[in-house]
Amino acid sequence: MRIDPLTIEPADGYKLLTNLVVPRPIAWVCSRDENGQINLAPFSFFNAVGSDPLMVIIGVGMNEVGRPKHTAENIARNGEFVVNLVTENLIDAMNLSAADFPDGESELLAAGLHTAESSRVPTPRIAEASAALECTLHSVQRIGRNNLILGQVVSIYVDDKYVGQRLHINGFEPIGRLGSPSMYCRTADRFDLPRMTYKQWQNSGGKPVESE
């Protein structure tokens, strides 16, 4: 079956894309409004897109009146934000923070969360999160109803228990987003597949190296 995105409703396109491009990491974003209050919201249109410098991208949509959502407005205004990574113990709080809270009502307070001071940006991280990326805004690109936020990671917080020798991260198992409307996955089930070199491929007689 072939589907032309130009001939279907945006909601159907969203459903198809989010059920096919899986799993997706979740950016649980802290940002500050014009009064300094912390806004907290999760986004699964998110990924790492560069390593030198460290860069991430978040896709934030529009609200019901056609304006960028609070997160996008706050980041554009202040030029910084914090991405918290969501582990399974925080999934209920993350889910609650996605609700349509009115202006001035704190998602953090409702979810029973606390803040911890960031080291390089004014916006705090979530104290209960095991990992967080402090980011400064590189650019925002508006494409249709999408606000693509490109941020440079300027500081990283990781719970000491996950950091091994030479900065290897061990045992960190954030949840991932699967299909719309409400499917998620765990990342504990893993396998190792070293990258194959051209020489290895030649020596194997043109066969792939099997994963462990």
N, C-alpha and C. Protein backbone atom coordinates (compact mmCIF):
# COMPACT_ATOMS: atom_id res chain seq x y z
N MET A 1 0.85 -1.20 0.00
CA MET A 1 0.00 0.00 0.00
C MET A 1 0.87 1.24 0.00
N ARG A 2 0.59 2.16 -0.89
CA ARG A 2 1.30 3.42 -0.94
C ARG A 2 0.37 4.54 -0.46
N ILE A 3 0.91 5.43 0.36
CA ILE A 3 0.11 6.50 0.94
C ILE A 3 0.76 7.84 0.59
N ASP A 4 0.00 8.73 0.01
CA ASP A 4 0.48 10.06 -0.33
C ASP A 4 0.15 11.01 0.82
N PRO A 5 1.17 11.52 1.53
CA PRO A 5 0.90 12.42 2.66
C PRO A 5 0.09 13.65 2.30
N LEU A 6 0.14 14.07 1.03
CA LEU A 6 -0.58 15.26 0.62
C LEU A 6 -2.08 15.02 0.46
N THR A 7 -2.50 13.77 0.49
CA THR A 7 -3.91 13.46 0.26
C THR A 7 -4.64 13.02 1.53
N ILE A 8 -3.95 13.01 2.68
CA ILE A 8 -4.58 12.57 3.92
C ILE A 8 -4.60 13.70 4.93
N GLU A 9 -5.43 13.57 5.94
CA GLU A 9 -5.52 14.58 6.98
C GLU A 9 -4.24 14.59 7.83
N PRO A 10 -3.84 15.77 8.35
CA PRO A 10 -2.64 15.84 9.20
C PRO A 10 -2.68 14.87 10.37
N ALA A 11 -3.86 14.66 10.96
CA ALA A 11 -3.96 13.73 12.09
C ALA A 11 -3.64 12.31 11.67
N ASP A 12 -4.03 11.94 10.45
CA ASP A 12 -3.72 10.60 9.95
C ASP A 12 -2.23 10.49 9.63
N GLY A 13 -1.64 11.56 9.11
CA GLY A 13 -0.21 11.55 8.85
C GLY A 13 0.59 11.41 10.14
N TYR A 14 0.14 12.12 11.18
CA TYR A 14 0.78 12.01 12.49
C TYR A 14 0.71 10.58 12.99
N LYS A 15 -0.46 9.97 12.87
CA LYS A 15 -0.64 8.60 13.35
C LYS A 15 0.27 7.64 12.61
N LEU A 16 0.37 7.78 11.31
CA LEU A 16 1.23 6.90 10.53
C LEU A 16 2.70 7.08 10.89
N LEU A 17 3.15 8.33 10.91
CA LEU A 17 4.57 8.60 11.15
C LEU A 17 4.99 8.13 12.53
N THR A 18 4.16 8.40 13.54
CA THR A 18 4.55 8.07 14.91
C THR A 18 4.42 6.57 15.20
N ASN A 19 3.72 5.84 14.36
CA ASN A 19 3.66 4.39 14.52
C ASN A 19 4.75 3.68 13.73
N LEU A 20 5.38 4.39 12.81
CA LEU A 20 6.43 3.78 11.98
C LEU A 20 7.83 4.17 12.44
N VAL A 21 8.03 5.40 12.83
CA VAL A 21 9.34 5.85 13.29
C VAL A 21 9.43 5.61 14.79
N VAL A 22 9.84 4.40 15.15
CA VAL A 22 9.85 3.97 16.56
C VAL A 22 11.10 3.13 16.85
N PRO A 23 11.53 3.06 18.11
CA PRO A 23 11.07 3.90 19.23
C PRO A 23 11.71 5.28 19.16
N ARG A 24 11.10 6.24 19.82
CA ARG A 24 11.64 7.59 19.86
C ARG A 24 11.97 7.95 21.31
N PRO A 25 13.11 8.59 21.56
CA PRO A 25 13.40 9.06 22.91
C PRO A 25 12.46 10.20 23.29
N ILE A 26 12.34 10.45 24.58
CA ILE A 26 11.44 11.49 25.07
C ILE A 26 12.24 12.62 25.70
N ALA A 27 12.02 13.82 25.20
CA ALA A 27 12.61 15.01 25.80
C ALA A 27 11.59 15.58 26.78
N TRP A 28 11.93 15.54 28.05
CA TRP A 28 11.07 16.10 29.09
C TRP A 28 11.64 17.47 29.40
N VAL A 29 11.05 18.49 28.81
CA VAL A 29 11.70 19.79 28.71
C VAL A 29 11.26 20.76 29.81
N CYS A 30 12.25 21.30 30.52
CA CYS A 30 12.03 22.42 31.43
C CYS A 30 12.36 23.71 30.70
N SER A 31 11.44 24.67 30.77
CA SER A 31 11.68 26.01 30.22
C SER A 31 11.05 27.02 31.16
N ARG A 32 11.41 28.30 30.99
CA ARG A 32 10.91 29.35 31.88
C ARG A 32 10.00 30.31 31.13
N ASP A 33 8.85 30.65 31.74
CA ASP A 33 7.97 31.62 31.11
C ASP A 33 8.42 33.04 31.44
N GLU A 34 7.64 34.05 31.01
CA GLU A 34 8.05 35.44 31.19
C GLU A 34 8.08 35.86 32.65
N ASN A 35 7.43 35.10 33.52
CA ASN A 35 7.43 35.40 34.95
C ASN A 35 8.43 34.56 35.73
N GLY A 36 9.21 33.76 35.02
CA GLY A 36 10.20 32.92 35.67
C GLY A 36 9.68 31.58 36.15
N GLN A 37 8.38 31.29 35.93
CA GLN A 37 7.83 30.01 36.36
C GLN A 37 8.28 28.91 35.41
N ILE A 38 8.54 27.73 35.98
CA ILE A 38 9.04 26.62 35.18
C ILE A 38 7.89 25.88 34.51
N ASN A 39 8.01 25.72 33.20
CA ASN A 39 7.08 24.91 32.43
C ASN A 39 7.73 23.56 32.17
N LEU A 40 6.96 22.49 32.26
CA LEU A 40 7.48 21.15 32.04
C LEU A 40 6.58 20.41 31.07
N ALA A 41 7.16 19.88 29.99
CA ALA A 41 6.35 19.18 28.98
C ALA A 41 7.20 18.15 28.26
N PRO A 42 6.60 16.99 27.91
CA PRO A 42 7.34 15.95 27.18
C PRO A 42 7.11 16.04 25.67
N PHE A 43 8.16 15.69 24.91
CA PHE A 43 8.09 15.69 23.45
C PHE A 43 8.84 14.48 22.93
N SER A 44 8.20 13.72 22.03
CA SER A 44 8.88 12.56 21.46
C SER A 44 9.39 12.81 20.05
N PHE A 45 9.12 13.99 19.49
CA PHE A 45 9.84 14.39 18.28
C PHE A 45 11.16 14.99 18.75
N PHE A 46 12.12 14.12 19.05
CA PHE A 46 13.35 14.52 19.73
C PHE A 46 14.46 13.53 19.39
N ASN A 47 15.67 14.10 19.22
CA ASN A 47 16.82 13.21 19.08
C ASN A 47 18.12 14.00 19.16
N ALA A 48 19.23 13.24 19.29
CA ALA A 48 20.57 13.82 19.19
C ALA A 48 20.92 13.90 17.70
N VAL A 49 21.46 15.05 17.28
CA VAL A 49 21.72 15.23 15.84
C VAL A 49 23.15 15.66 15.54
N GLY A 50 24.01 15.76 16.55
CA GLY A 50 25.40 16.16 16.30
C GLY A 50 26.25 15.96 17.53
N SER A 51 27.57 15.74 17.30
CA SER A 51 28.46 15.46 18.42
C SER A 51 29.59 16.46 18.58
N ASP A 52 29.83 17.33 17.62
CA ASP A 52 30.93 18.28 17.73
C ASP A 52 30.54 19.59 17.04
N PRO A 53 29.80 20.47 17.77
CA PRO A 53 29.41 20.37 19.18
C PRO A 53 28.22 19.43 19.37
N LEU A 54 27.94 19.14 20.64
CA LEU A 54 26.80 18.28 20.95
C LEU A 54 25.50 19.03 20.65
N MET A 55 24.64 18.44 19.82
CA MET A 55 23.41 19.10 19.41
C MET A 55 22.23 18.16 19.54
N VAL A 56 21.07 18.72 19.94
CA VAL A 56 19.82 17.98 19.97
C VAL A 56 18.76 18.78 19.22
N ILE A 57 17.72 18.09 18.79
CA ILE A 57 16.61 18.77 18.12
C ILE A 57 15.30 18.30 18.74
N ILE A 58 14.37 19.23 18.90
CA ILE A 58 13.04 18.94 19.44
C ILE A 58 12.01 19.55 18.50
N GLY A 59 10.98 18.79 18.17
CA GLY A 59 9.88 19.31 17.37
C GLY A 59 8.70 19.64 18.28
N VAL A 60 8.32 20.91 18.31
CA VAL A 60 7.22 21.38 19.15
C VAL A 60 6.13 21.95 18.25
N GLY A 61 4.92 21.50 18.45
CA GLY A 61 3.82 21.94 17.59
C GLY A 61 3.17 23.23 18.06
N MET A 62 1.99 23.49 17.52
CA MET A 62 1.22 24.68 17.83
C MET A 62 0.09 24.33 18.81
N ASN A 63 -0.40 25.35 19.51
CA ASN A 63 -1.55 25.12 20.39
C ASN A 63 -2.84 25.26 19.60
N GLU A 64 -3.96 25.18 20.29
CA GLU A 64 -5.26 25.16 19.60
C GLU A 64 -5.60 26.47 18.91
N VAL A 65 -4.93 27.57 19.26
CA VAL A 65 -5.21 28.85 18.61
C VAL A 65 -4.14 29.21 17.58
N GLY A 66 -3.27 28.24 17.27
CA GLY A 66 -2.30 28.45 16.21
C GLY A 66 -1.01 29.13 16.61
N ARG A 67 -0.75 29.24 17.90
CA ARG A 67 0.51 29.80 18.39
C ARG A 67 1.44 28.68 18.82
N PRO A 68 2.77 28.92 18.79
CA PRO A 68 3.69 27.90 19.31
C PRO A 68 3.34 27.56 20.76
N LYS A 69 3.47 26.30 21.12
CA LYS A 69 3.21 25.89 22.49
C LYS A 69 4.16 26.61 23.46
N HIS A 70 3.79 26.59 24.74
CA HIS A 70 4.56 27.32 25.75
C HIS A 70 6.05 27.02 25.70
N THR A 71 6.39 25.74 25.52
CA THR A 71 7.81 25.37 25.50
C THR A 71 8.55 26.10 24.39
N ALA A 72 7.98 26.12 23.19
CA ALA A 72 8.64 26.79 22.07
C ALA A 72 8.75 28.29 22.31
N GLU A 73 7.68 28.91 22.84
CA GLU A 73 7.72 30.34 23.12
C GLU A 73 8.77 30.67 24.18
N ASN A 74 8.82 29.86 25.23
CA ASN A 74 9.79 30.11 26.30
C ASN A 74 11.22 29.98 25.82
N ILE A 75 11.50 28.96 25.04
CA ILE A 75 12.86 28.75 24.55
C ILE A 75 13.28 29.86 23.61
N ALA A 76 12.38 30.28 22.73
CA ALA A 76 12.69 31.37 21.81
C ALA A 76 12.96 32.66 22.57
N ARG A 77 12.23 32.89 23.66
CA ARG A 77 12.39 34.12 24.44
C ARG A 77 13.69 34.12 25.24
N ASN A 78 13.98 33.00 25.89
CA ASN A 78 15.10 32.95 26.83
C ASN A 78 16.39 32.38 26.26
N GLY A 79 16.28 31.64 25.17
CA GLY A 79 17.48 31.12 24.53
C GLY A 79 18.13 29.96 25.25
N GLU A 80 17.39 29.26 26.09
CA GLU A 80 17.96 28.09 26.77
C GLU A 80 16.85 27.21 27.30
N PHE A 81 17.21 25.96 27.65
CA PHE A 81 16.23 24.99 28.17
C PHE A 81 17.00 23.78 28.69
N VAL A 82 16.28 22.89 29.38
CA VAL A 82 16.88 21.67 29.90
C VAL A 82 16.04 20.47 29.46
N VAL A 83 16.70 19.47 28.88
CA VAL A 83 16.05 18.23 28.50
C VAL A 83 16.34 17.19 29.58
N ASN A 84 15.30 16.73 30.25
CA ASN A 84 15.41 15.64 31.22
C ASN A 84 15.06 14.34 30.52
N LEU A 85 15.78 13.27 30.84
CA LEU A 85 15.49 11.96 30.25
C LEU A 85 14.60 11.17 31.21
N VAL A 86 13.65 10.44 30.64
CA VAL A 86 12.59 9.81 31.43
C VAL A 86 12.88 8.32 31.64
N THR A 87 13.08 7.93 32.89
CA THR A 87 13.20 6.52 33.24
C THR A 87 11.84 6.02 33.73
N GLU A 88 11.74 4.70 33.88
CA GLU A 88 10.41 4.12 34.12
C GLU A 88 9.77 4.60 35.42
N ASN A 89 10.58 4.91 36.43
CA ASN A 89 10.01 5.38 37.69
C ASN A 89 9.35 6.75 37.57
N LEU A 90 9.59 7.45 36.47
CA LEU A 90 9.04 8.79 36.28
C LEU A 90 7.93 8.83 35.22
N ILE A 91 7.53 7.67 34.70
CA ILE A 91 6.61 7.69 33.56
C ILE A 91 5.26 8.28 33.92
N ASP A 92 4.75 8.04 35.13
CA ASP A 92 3.45 8.60 35.49
C ASP A 92 3.51 10.12 35.62
N ALA A 93 4.61 10.61 36.20
CA ALA A 93 4.78 12.06 36.31
C ALA A 93 4.93 12.69 34.94
N MET A 94 5.66 12.02 34.04
CA MET A 94 5.81 12.53 32.68
C MET A 94 4.47 12.58 31.98
N ASN A 95 3.67 11.54 32.14
CA ASN A 95 2.37 11.49 31.49
C ASN A 95 1.44 12.60 32.00
N LEU A 96 1.50 12.85 33.31
CA LEU A 96 0.69 13.92 33.88
C LEU A 96 1.11 15.28 33.35
N SER A 97 2.42 15.48 33.17
CA SER A 97 2.91 16.78 32.71
C SER A 97 2.49 17.09 31.28
N ALA A 98 2.01 16.09 30.54
CA ALA A 98 1.53 16.31 29.17
C ALA A 98 0.11 16.84 29.13
N ALA A 99 -0.57 16.88 30.29
CA ALA A 99 -1.95 17.37 30.33
C ALA A 99 -2.01 18.86 30.00
N ASP A 100 -3.19 19.32 29.61
CA ASP A 100 -3.36 20.72 29.19
C ASP A 100 -3.57 21.63 30.40
N PHE A 101 -2.50 21.80 31.19
CA PHE A 101 -2.57 22.67 32.35
C PHE A 101 -2.79 24.12 31.90
N PRO A 102 -3.61 24.88 32.60
CA PRO A 102 -3.81 26.29 32.24
C PRO A 102 -2.58 27.11 32.59
N ASP A 103 -2.49 28.30 32.00
CA ASP A 103 -1.38 29.20 32.30
C ASP A 103 -1.31 29.46 33.79
N GLY A 104 -0.10 29.44 34.32
CA GLY A 104 0.11 29.76 35.72
C GLY A 104 0.01 28.59 36.67
N GLU A 105 -0.42 27.42 36.17
CA GLU A 105 -0.49 26.25 37.04
C GLU A 105 0.70 25.34 36.75
N SER A 106 1.42 24.93 37.78
CA SER A 106 2.68 24.23 37.64
C SER A 106 2.50 22.73 37.43
N GLU A 107 3.08 22.22 36.34
CA GLU A 107 3.10 20.78 36.11
C GLU A 107 3.99 20.08 37.15
N LEU A 108 5.07 20.73 37.54
CA LEU A 108 5.97 20.12 38.52
C LEU A 108 5.27 19.90 39.86
N LEU A 109 4.55 20.92 40.30
CA LEU A 109 3.85 20.82 41.58
C LEU A 109 2.79 19.72 41.52
N ALA A 110 2.04 19.68 40.44
CA ALA A 110 1.00 18.68 40.29
C ALA A 110 1.57 17.26 40.29
N ALA A 111 2.76 17.10 39.71
CA ALA A 111 3.38 15.78 39.61
C ALA A 111 4.23 15.43 40.83
N GLY A 112 4.32 16.34 41.79
CA GLY A 112 5.11 16.08 42.99
C GLY A 112 6.60 16.05 42.74
N LEU A 113 7.06 16.82 41.76
CA LEU A 113 8.48 16.86 41.40
C LEU A 113 9.18 18.06 42.03
N HIS A 114 10.49 18.00 42.02
CA HIS A 114 11.31 19.08 42.56
C HIS A 114 12.35 19.50 41.53
N THR A 115 12.89 20.69 41.70
CA THR A 115 13.92 21.17 40.78
C THR A 115 15.29 21.11 41.45
N ALA A 116 16.31 21.04 40.63
CA ALA A 116 17.70 21.13 41.07
C ALA A 116 18.40 22.13 40.17
N GLU A 117 19.33 22.89 40.74
CA GLU A 117 19.99 23.96 40.00
C GLU A 117 20.83 23.40 38.86
N SER A 118 20.72 24.02 37.70
CA SER A 118 21.59 23.69 36.58
C SER A 118 22.93 24.39 36.76
N SER A 119 23.93 23.96 36.00
CA SER A 119 25.25 24.53 36.16
C SER A 119 25.59 25.59 35.12
N ARG A 120 24.95 25.54 33.93
CA ARG A 120 25.32 26.47 32.85
C ARG A 120 24.18 27.31 32.33
N VAL A 121 22.94 26.98 32.70
CA VAL A 121 21.79 27.76 32.24
C VAL A 121 20.91 28.10 33.44
N PRO A 122 20.12 29.18 33.37
CA PRO A 122 19.26 29.57 34.50
C PRO A 122 18.13 28.59 34.80
N THR A 123 17.62 27.91 33.77
CA THR A 123 16.52 26.97 33.98
C THR A 123 17.01 25.74 34.73
N PRO A 124 16.30 25.31 35.78
CA PRO A 124 16.72 24.14 36.54
C PRO A 124 16.35 22.85 35.81
N ARG A 125 16.94 21.75 36.28
CA ARG A 125 16.55 20.42 35.84
C ARG A 125 15.58 19.82 36.86
N ILE A 126 15.01 18.67 36.53
CA ILE A 126 14.17 17.93 37.47
C ILE A 126 15.07 17.13 38.39
N ALA A 127 14.93 17.33 39.68
CA ALA A 127 15.82 16.68 40.65
C ALA A 127 15.69 15.16 40.60
N GLU A 128 14.49 14.67 40.32
CA GLU A 128 14.26 13.23 40.31
C GLU A 128 14.78 12.54 39.06
N ALA A 129 15.14 13.28 38.03
CA ALA A 129 15.62 12.69 36.78
C ALA A 129 17.07 12.25 36.92
N SER A 130 17.40 11.09 36.38
CA SER A 130 18.75 10.54 36.48
C SER A 130 19.72 11.15 35.48
N ALA A 131 19.19 11.83 34.47
CA ALA A 131 20.05 12.45 33.47
C ALA A 131 19.35 13.67 32.89
N ALA A 132 20.13 14.70 32.59
CA ALA A 132 19.56 15.93 32.03
C ALA A 132 20.60 16.61 31.17
N LEU A 133 20.12 17.27 30.11
CA LEU A 133 20.99 17.99 29.17
C LEU A 133 20.65 19.48 29.24
N GLU A 134 21.60 20.27 29.67
CA GLU A 134 21.42 21.72 29.67
C GLU A 134 21.76 22.24 28.28
N CYS A 135 20.85 23.03 27.70
CA CYS A 135 21.01 23.43 26.31
C CYS A 135 20.85 24.93 26.13
N THR A 136 21.62 25.48 25.19
CA THR A 136 21.39 26.84 24.73
C THR A 136 20.81 26.76 23.32
N LEU A 137 19.96 27.72 23.00
CA LEU A 137 19.26 27.70 21.72
C LEU A 137 20.22 28.07 20.58
N HIS A 138 20.27 27.22 19.57
CA HIS A 138 21.01 27.54 18.36
C HIS A 138 20.10 28.23 17.35
N SER A 139 18.92 27.65 17.12
CA SER A 139 18.00 28.23 16.15
C SER A 139 16.63 27.58 16.27
N VAL A 140 15.62 28.29 15.77
CA VAL A 140 14.27 27.76 15.65
C VAL A 140 13.84 27.91 14.20
N GLN A 141 13.35 26.84 13.63
CA GLN A 141 12.86 26.89 12.25
C GLN A 141 11.39 26.51 12.23
N ARG A 142 10.57 27.38 11.67
CA ARG A 142 9.14 27.12 11.55
C ARG A 142 8.85 26.48 10.19
N ILE A 143 8.33 25.28 10.22
CA ILE A 143 7.93 24.59 8.99
C ILE A 143 6.49 24.15 9.19
N GLY A 144 5.56 24.82 8.53
CA GLY A 144 4.15 24.52 8.74
C GLY A 144 3.78 24.77 10.19
N ARG A 145 3.21 23.78 10.85
CA ARG A 145 2.82 23.89 12.25
C ARG A 145 3.90 23.30 13.17
N ASN A 146 5.09 23.09 12.62
CA ASN A 146 6.20 22.55 13.40
C ASN A 146 7.19 23.64 13.77
N ASN A 147 7.62 23.65 15.01
CA ASN A 147 8.70 24.51 15.46
C ASN A 147 9.89 23.60 15.78
N LEU A 148 10.89 23.62 14.90
CA LEU A 148 12.05 22.75 15.07
C LEU A 148 13.11 23.51 15.86
N ILE A 149 13.37 23.06 17.08
CA ILE A 149 14.27 23.74 18.00
C ILE A 149 15.59 22.99 18.04
N LEU A 150 16.65 23.66 17.59
CA LEU A 150 17.98 23.08 17.60
C LEU A 150 18.75 23.67 18.77
N GLY A 151 19.22 22.81 19.66
CA GLY A 151 19.90 23.28 20.85
C GLY A 151 21.29 22.68 20.99
N GLN A 152 22.22 23.47 21.52
CA GLN A 152 23.56 22.97 21.81
C GLN A 152 23.64 22.55 23.27
N VAL A 153 24.10 21.35 23.52
CA VAL A 153 24.23 20.84 24.88
C VAL A 153 25.49 21.43 25.50
N VAL A 154 25.32 22.21 26.56
CA VAL A 154 26.45 22.89 27.18
C VAL A 154 26.84 22.29 28.53
N SER A 155 26.00 21.42 29.07
CA SER A 155 26.34 20.72 30.31
C SER A 155 25.45 19.47 30.41
N ILE A 156 26.01 18.42 30.97
CA ILE A 156 25.29 17.15 31.10
C ILE A 156 25.32 16.70 32.56
N TYR A 157 24.14 16.36 33.07
CA TYR A 157 24.06 15.76 34.40
C TYR A 157 23.70 14.29 34.24
N VAL A 158 24.47 13.41 34.88
CA VAL A 158 24.15 11.98 34.92
C VAL A 158 24.39 11.49 36.34
N ASP A 159 23.45 10.74 36.88
CA ASP A 159 23.62 10.13 38.19
C ASP A 159 24.90 9.30 38.20
N ASP A 160 25.70 9.45 39.26
CA ASP A 160 27.01 8.79 39.34
C ASP A 160 26.93 7.28 39.13
N LYS A 161 25.82 6.67 39.53
CA LYS A 161 25.73 5.21 39.45
C LYS A 161 25.74 4.69 38.02
N TYR A 162 25.48 5.57 37.04
CA TYR A 162 25.46 5.13 35.65
C TYR A 162 26.77 5.38 34.90
N VAL A 163 27.69 6.10 35.52
CA VAL A 163 28.90 6.51 34.82
C VAL A 163 30.06 5.59 35.16
N GLY A 164 30.59 4.89 34.14
CA GLY A 164 31.72 4.01 34.33
C GLY A 164 33.01 4.63 33.87
N GLN A 165 34.02 3.81 33.69
CA GLN A 165 35.32 4.29 33.25
C GLN A 165 35.23 4.89 31.85
N ARG A 166 36.02 5.92 31.64
CA ARG A 166 36.08 6.61 30.34
C ARG A 166 34.71 7.13 29.91
N LEU A 167 33.91 7.50 30.90
CA LEU A 167 32.59 8.10 30.68
C LEU A 167 31.61 7.16 29.98
N HIS A 168 31.81 5.86 30.08
CA HIS A 168 30.82 4.94 29.55
C HIS A 168 29.57 4.97 30.43
N ILE A 169 28.42 4.96 29.80
CA ILE A 169 27.14 4.96 30.52
C ILE A 169 26.64 3.52 30.59
N ASN A 170 26.46 3.03 31.81
CA ASN A 170 26.07 1.64 32.02
C ASN A 170 24.78 1.56 32.83
N GLY A 171 23.82 0.77 32.34
CA GLY A 171 22.61 0.51 33.10
C GLY A 171 21.53 1.57 33.01
N PHE A 172 21.75 2.59 32.22
CA PHE A 172 20.74 3.64 32.06
C PHE A 172 19.68 3.16 31.08
N GLU A 173 18.42 3.10 31.50
CA GLU A 173 17.36 2.50 30.69
C GLU A 173 16.15 3.43 30.60
N PRO A 174 16.25 4.50 29.82
CA PRO A 174 15.09 5.39 29.66
C PRO A 174 13.99 4.69 28.88
N ILE A 175 12.78 5.18 29.04
CA ILE A 175 11.67 4.64 28.25
C ILE A 175 11.66 5.30 26.88
N GLY A 176 10.98 4.67 25.94
CA GLY A 176 10.85 5.21 24.60
C GLY A 176 9.39 5.32 24.20
N ARG A 177 9.13 6.15 23.23
CA ARG A 177 7.77 6.37 22.72
C ARG A 177 7.58 5.50 21.50
N LEU A 178 6.47 4.78 21.49
CA LEU A 178 6.10 3.99 20.33
C LEU A 178 4.93 4.68 19.63
N GLY A 179 3.94 3.90 19.21
CA GLY A 179 2.89 4.45 18.37
C GLY A 179 1.89 5.32 19.09
N SER A 180 1.25 6.15 18.31
CA SER A 180 0.14 6.98 18.76
C SER A 180 -1.08 6.07 18.97
N PRO A 181 -1.90 6.29 19.99
CA PRO A 181 -1.84 7.45 20.86
C PRO A 181 -1.07 7.28 22.16
N SER A 182 -0.82 6.03 22.62
CA SER A 182 -0.33 5.92 24.00
C SER A 182 0.59 4.73 24.25
N MET A 183 1.38 4.35 23.26
CA MET A 183 2.25 3.19 23.41
C MET A 183 3.68 3.63 23.73
N TYR A 184 4.29 2.90 24.69
CA TYR A 184 5.67 3.17 25.11
C TYR A 184 6.44 1.86 25.13
N CYS A 185 7.76 1.95 25.30
CA CYS A 185 8.57 0.74 25.39
C CYS A 185 9.66 0.92 26.43
N ARG A 186 10.17 -0.20 26.92
CA ARG A 186 11.34 -0.22 27.79
C ARG A 186 12.59 -0.44 26.94
N THR A 187 13.74 -0.06 27.45
CA THR A 187 14.98 -0.21 26.69
C THR A 187 15.94 -1.18 27.38
N ALA A 188 15.41 -2.04 28.25
CA ALA A 188 16.27 -2.98 28.97
C ALA A 188 16.68 -4.16 28.11
N ASP A 189 15.89 -4.51 27.10
CA ASP A 189 16.19 -5.65 26.23
C ASP A 189 17.12 -5.17 25.11
N ARG A 190 18.40 -5.56 25.20
CA ARG A 190 19.40 -5.03 24.27
C ARG A 190 20.26 -6.15 23.70
N PHE A 191 20.93 -5.88 22.59
CA PHE A 191 21.92 -6.80 22.04
C PHE A 191 23.06 -5.99 21.47
N ASP A 192 24.21 -6.63 21.33
CA ASP A 192 25.42 -5.95 20.88
C ASP A 192 25.69 -6.29 19.43
N LEU A 193 25.96 -5.28 18.61
CA LEU A 193 26.25 -5.49 17.19
C LEU A 193 27.38 -4.55 16.78
N PRO A 194 28.64 -4.99 16.92
CA PRO A 194 29.76 -4.13 16.54
C PRO A 194 29.69 -3.76 15.06
N ARG A 195 30.13 -2.56 14.74
CA ARG A 195 30.14 -2.13 13.35
C ARG A 195 31.15 -2.96 12.56
N MET A 196 30.74 -3.37 11.39
CA MET A 196 31.57 -4.20 10.53
C MET A 196 32.45 -3.33 9.63
N THR A 197 33.73 -3.66 9.55
CA THR A 197 34.62 -2.94 8.64
C THR A 197 34.58 -3.60 7.26
N TYR A 198 35.08 -2.88 6.29
CA TYR A 198 35.13 -3.42 4.93
C TYR A 198 36.04 -4.65 4.88
N LYS A 199 37.15 -4.60 5.64
CA LYS A 199 38.09 -5.72 5.66
C LYS A 199 37.45 -6.95 6.27
N GLN A 200 36.68 -6.77 7.34
CA GLN A 200 35.97 -7.90 7.94
C GLN A 200 34.98 -8.50 6.95
N TRP A 201 34.32 -7.65 6.21
CA TRP A 201 33.36 -8.14 5.22
C TRP A 201 34.07 -8.97 4.15
N GLN A 202 35.24 -8.49 3.70
CA GLN A 202 36.01 -9.24 2.70
C GLN A 202 36.43 -10.60 3.25
N ASN A 203 36.93 -10.58 4.51
CA ASN A 203 37.43 -11.82 5.12
C ASN A 203 36.33 -12.82 5.40
N SER A 204 35.09 -12.32 5.52
CA SER A 204 33.97 -13.23 5.80
C SER A 204 33.39 -13.85 4.55
N GLY A 205 33.95 -13.50 3.41
CA GLY A 205 33.42 -14.02 2.15
C GLY A 205 32.15 -13.33 1.71
N GLY A 206 31.99 -12.08 2.16
CA GLY A 206 30.81 -11.30 1.76
C GLY A 206 29.59 -11.57 2.58
N LYS A 207 29.77 -12.17 3.79
CA LYS A 207 28.64 -12.44 4.67
C LYS A 207 28.65 -11.47 5.85
N PRO A 208 27.49 -11.10 6.34
CA PRO A 208 27.45 -10.20 7.51
C PRO A 208 27.96 -10.90 8.77
N VAL A 209 28.57 -10.12 9.68
CA VAL A 209 28.99 -10.64 10.96
C VAL A 209 27.76 -10.72 11.86
N GLU A 210 27.53 -11.89 12.44
CA GLU A 210 26.32 -12.08 13.24
C GLU A 210 26.41 -11.35 14.57
N SER A 211 25.27 -10.81 14.99
CA SER A 211 25.22 -10.13 16.28
C SER A 211 25.22 -11.16 17.40
N GLU A 212 25.61 -10.70 18.59
CA GLU A 212 25.64 -11.60 19.75
C GLU A 212 24.27 -11.65 20.43
